[in-house]
Protein backbone atom coordinates (compact mmCIF):
# COMPACT_ATOMS: atom_id res chain seq x y z
CA MET A 1 -0.22 -0.02 0.15
CA THR A 2 1.56 3.37 -0.99
CA ARG A 3 0.07 5.38 2.05
CA ARG A 4 -1.47 5.22 5.41
CA TYR A 5 -5.21 6.21 5.39
CA SER A 6 -6.56 8.45 8.25
CA GLU A 7 -9.70 7.23 10.04
CA LYS A 8 -12.10 9.09 8.04
CA GLU A 9 -10.82 7.71 4.89
CA THR A 10 -10.99 4.25 5.69
CA ALA A 11 -14.84 4.96 7.08
CA ILE A 12 -15.34 5.89 3.34
CA PHE A 13 -14.06 2.98 2.15
CA ALA A 14 -16.30 1.05 4.65
CA GLY A 15 -19.07 2.71 3.11
CA VAL A 16 -18.38 1.73 -0.59
CA MET A 17 -17.73 -1.64 0.80
CA GLU A 18 -21.02 -1.76 2.43
CA LEU A 19 -22.64 -0.59 -0.75
CA MET A 20 -21.12 -3.57 -2.75
CA ARG A 21 -22.04 -6.00 -0.24
CA ARG A 22 -25.62 -4.70 -0.64
CA GLY A 23 -24.97 -5.64 -4.68
CA GLU A 24 -25.11 -2.13 -5.58
CA ASP A 25 -23.55 -1.35 -8.86
CA LEU A 26 -20.28 0.17 -7.89
CA TYR A 27 -20.02 2.60 -10.83
CA ALA A 28 -23.66 3.75 -10.71
CA ILE A 29 -23.48 4.75 -7.26
CA LYS A 30 -23.64 8.44 -6.42
CA ALA A 31 -21.39 10.20 -4.03
CA ALA A 32 -24.26 10.99 -1.71
CA ASP A 33 -24.83 7.08 -1.40
CA ILE A 34 -21.19 6.65 -0.25
CA ALA A 35 -21.27 9.68 2.25
CA ALA A 36 -24.69 8.11 3.51
CA ALA A 37 -23.13 4.53 4.00
CA ALA A 38 -20.28 6.11 5.53
CA GLY A 39 -22.17 7.82 8.29
CA ILE A 40 -20.80 11.35 7.10
CA GLY A 41 -21.71 14.30 5.05
CA LYS A 42 -21.45 14.60 1.29
CA GLY A 43 -19.08 17.86 1.55
CA THR A 44 -16.44 15.67 3.92
CA LEU A 45 -16.00 13.49 0.96
CA TYR A 46 -14.17 16.02 -1.08
CA ASN A 47 -11.96 16.96 1.76
CA TYR A 48 -10.09 13.71 0.91
CA PHE A 49 -10.58 12.90 -2.60
CA ALA A 50 -11.10 14.85 -5.49
CA SER A 51 -13.96 13.13 -7.14
CA LYS A 52 -16.39 10.09 -6.71
CA GLU A 53 -14.06 7.97 -9.51
CA GLU A 54 -11.05 8.47 -7.01
CA ILE A 55 -12.95 7.13 -3.97
CA ILE A 56 -13.52 4.10 -5.72
CA LEU A 57 -9.84 3.75 -6.97
CA GLN A 58 -8.53 4.09 -3.74
CA THR A 59 -11.44 1.66 -2.10
CA LEU A 60 -10.14 -0.77 -4.64
CA ILE A 61 -6.48 -0.17 -3.97
CA TYR A 62 -7.14 -0.23 -0.35
CA ASN A 63 -9.29 -3.49 0.16
CA LEU A 64 -7.00 -5.56 -2.56
CA HIS A 65 -4.16 -4.90 -0.26
CA THR A 66 -6.04 -5.79 2.73
CA GLU A 67 -7.52 -8.74 1.03
CA LEU A 68 -4.31 -9.78 -0.21
CA GLU A 69 -2.38 -9.21 2.91
CA ARG A 70 -4.80 -11.80 4.58
CA VAL A 71 -4.60 -14.52 1.95
CA THR A 72 -1.11 -14.56 1.33
CA ALA A 73 -0.18 -14.83 5.37
CA GLN A 74 -2.71 -17.74 5.08
CA VAL A 75 -1.12 -19.38 2.11
CA ASN A 76 2.39 -18.63 3.58
CA GLU A 77 1.38 -20.26 7.05
CA ALA A 78 -0.25 -23.48 5.55
CA GLY A 79 1.69 -26.56 6.04
CA THR A 80 1.62 -28.43 2.36
CA PHE A 81 1.51 -27.31 -0.89
CA ILE A 82 -1.63 -28.53 -1.79
CA GLU A 83 -3.24 -26.60 1.40
CA LYS A 84 -1.69 -23.73 0.09
CA CYS A 85 -3.19 -23.86 -3.36
CA ARG A 86 -6.85 -24.92 -1.96
CA ILE A 87 -6.51 -21.69 0.16
CA ALA A 88 -5.70 -19.48 -2.86
CA LEU A 89 -8.72 -21.49 -4.84
CA ALA A 90 -11.07 -20.52 -1.93
CA PHE A 91 -10.13 -16.82 -2.17
CA VAL A 92 -10.83 -16.98 -5.63
CA GLU A 93 -14.07 -18.63 -5.47
CA SER A 94 -15.29 -16.14 -2.78
CA GLY A 95 -14.35 -13.13 -5.30
CA GLU A 96 -15.97 -14.79 -8.08
CA ARG A 97 -19.26 -15.62 -6.38
CA ASN A 98 -19.44 -11.90 -5.13
CA ARG A 99 -20.27 -9.82 -8.32
CA ASN A 100 -18.72 -6.75 -6.75
CA SER A 101 -15.69 -8.42 -5.25
CA ILE A 102 -12.19 -6.82 -5.74
CA ILE A 103 -10.68 -9.47 -7.00
CA ARG A 104 -13.31 -9.43 -10.14
CA TYR A 105 -12.06 -5.86 -10.69
CA ILE A 106 -8.51 -6.09 -10.57
CA PHE A 107 -7.77 -9.72 -11.63
CA LEU A 108 -10.33 -11.67 -13.63
CA GLY A 109 -11.31 -8.53 -16.43
CA ASN A 110 -14.88 -8.64 -15.36
CA ALA A 111 -15.06 -4.88 -14.70
CA GLY A 112 -16.67 -2.82 -17.24
CA GLU A 113 -14.67 -0.22 -19.23
CA ASP A 114 -14.94 2.69 -16.17
CA ALA A 115 -13.79 0.38 -13.90
CA GLN A 116 -10.66 -0.76 -16.19
CA ALA A 117 -10.01 3.14 -16.78
CA LEU A 118 -9.76 3.50 -12.91
CA VAL A 119 -7.58 0.74 -12.50
CA LEU A 120 -5.36 1.53 -14.86
CA GLU A 121 -4.82 4.71 -12.89
CA GLY A 122 -3.86 2.93 -9.91
CA MET A 123 -1.50 -0.03 -11.87
CA GLN A 124 1.57 1.45 -9.69
CA ALA A 125 -0.37 0.50 -6.45
CA ILE A 126 -1.88 -2.76 -7.68
CA ARG A 127 1.39 -3.80 -9.37
CA LYS A 128 3.17 -3.66 -5.82
CA GLU A 129 0.20 -5.96 -4.37
CA LYS A 130 0.93 -8.30 -7.58
CA GLU A 131 4.57 -8.35 -6.51
CA ARG A 132 3.38 -9.79 -3.10
CA LEU A 133 1.13 -12.21 -4.80
CA ALA A 134 4.07 -13.48 -7.01
CA ASP A 135 6.30 -13.86 -3.88
CA CYS A 136 3.61 -15.76 -2.36
CA PHE A 137 3.41 -17.93 -5.31
CA SER A 138 7.13 -18.60 -5.19
CA ARG A 139 7.14 -19.93 -1.67
CA THR A 140 4.43 -22.25 -2.57
CA VAL A 141 6.35 -23.40 -5.46
CA ALA A 142 9.03 -23.88 -3.03
CA CYS A 143 7.11 -26.10 -0.56
CA GLY A 144 5.92 -28.41 -3.60
CA ALA A 145 9.63 -28.67 -4.51
CA GLN A 146 10.61 -29.69 -1.13
CA GLU A 147 7.55 -32.21 -1.27
CA GLY A 148 8.99 -33.86 -4.26
CA LEU A 149 6.04 -32.83 -6.56
CA PHE A 150 8.21 -31.50 -9.04
CA ALA A 151 12.00 -29.75 -9.30
CA PRO A 152 12.85 -26.46 -8.03
CA CYS A 153 11.93 -23.36 -10.20
CA ALA A 154 13.56 -19.78 -9.98
CA ASP A 155 11.35 -18.40 -12.70
CA LEU A 156 9.28 -15.83 -11.03
CA ALA A 157 7.50 -14.77 -14.34
CA TYR A 158 6.54 -18.62 -15.28
CA ILE A 159 5.26 -19.43 -11.69
CA SER A 160 3.09 -16.34 -11.48
CA GLN A 161 1.86 -17.16 -14.91
CA VAL A 162 1.07 -20.69 -13.95
CA PHE A 163 -0.84 -19.84 -10.97
CA ILE A 164 -2.78 -16.90 -12.51
CA SER A 165 -3.96 -19.10 -15.56
CA ALA A 166 -5.11 -21.70 -13.10
CA LEU A 167 -6.75 -19.45 -10.70
CA MET A 168 -8.20 -18.00 -13.69
CA GLY A 169 -9.48 -21.12 -15.31
CA PHE A 170 -11.17 -22.17 -11.86
CA ALA A 171 -12.78 -18.78 -11.70
CA GLN A 172 -14.07 -19.16 -15.16
CA CYS A 173 -15.59 -22.76 -14.26
CA ILE A 174 -17.36 -21.06 -11.11
CA CYS A 175 -18.53 -18.21 -13.17
CA GLN A 176 -20.29 -20.50 -15.73
CA GLU A 177 -21.63 -23.06 -13.19
CA THR A 178 -22.59 -20.43 -10.42
CA GLY A 179 -26.08 -21.87 -8.85
CA HIS A 180 -26.01 -24.79 -11.05
CA SER A 181 -23.14 -26.93 -9.80
CA SER A 182 -22.71 -29.33 -6.62
CA GLU A 183 -20.30 -29.12 -4.31
CA ASP A 184 -18.76 -32.34 -5.91
CA GLU A 185 -18.49 -30.55 -9.04
CA VAL A 186 -16.74 -27.55 -7.50
CA GLU A 187 -14.40 -29.88 -5.64
CA ARG A 188 -13.52 -31.43 -9.05
CA TYR A 189 -12.80 -27.81 -10.38
CA ARG A 190 -10.53 -27.56 -7.34
CA GLN A 191 -8.59 -30.62 -7.89
CA ASN A 192 -8.29 -29.91 -11.53
CA ALA A 193 -6.87 -26.54 -10.91
CA CYS A 194 -3.89 -28.31 -8.54
CA ARG A 195 -3.25 -30.81 -11.15
CA ILE A 196 -2.73 -28.00 -13.71
CA ILE A 197 -0.52 -26.32 -11.65
CA ILE A 198 1.89 -29.34 -10.43
CA LYS A 199 1.87 -30.64 -14.20
CA ALA A 200 2.71 -27.37 -15.43
CA LEU A 201 5.88 -27.28 -13.06
CA GLN A 202 6.76 -30.77 -13.54
């Protein structure tokens, strides 16, 4: 995260996230909606941000940082390669089932043109979070190599590509089957994703 946020700013972010949890279209909401959800006056928003668009962008960046900090810590603490992969898959699954999830906007390409434009503006901050994710993937691969699943791999770009491809493929399966797939089918998707990662690293 590029800077520390004030208590008022995090309250504004919480307001945006509350609107997202309600299923509101992130780019159809108004500044007044954000202010009401945050429990502050509309004018206060502009003491901290230049526009509604900046509020949304900073909310995405702040929550991306928070979510990735949490999930990478869980992955790094997990004992086995498969456990680590399953935590990452659970993160993607949770995000994919939430229409306004941060992960949909940042990683899965499911945002509209307005969202994508905002993401491009914050790409430097987002790049730092992707570096955190790449480091987590690298640690996961090192764990798998220690378990004898495949040889050690030092190509960080390849490692990231393998994991992102498998996670996005898994997300696509979930997206297509939402509301129609059984838990057994979803579990098959999880197992397939783990197999794909292992095979690509062998």
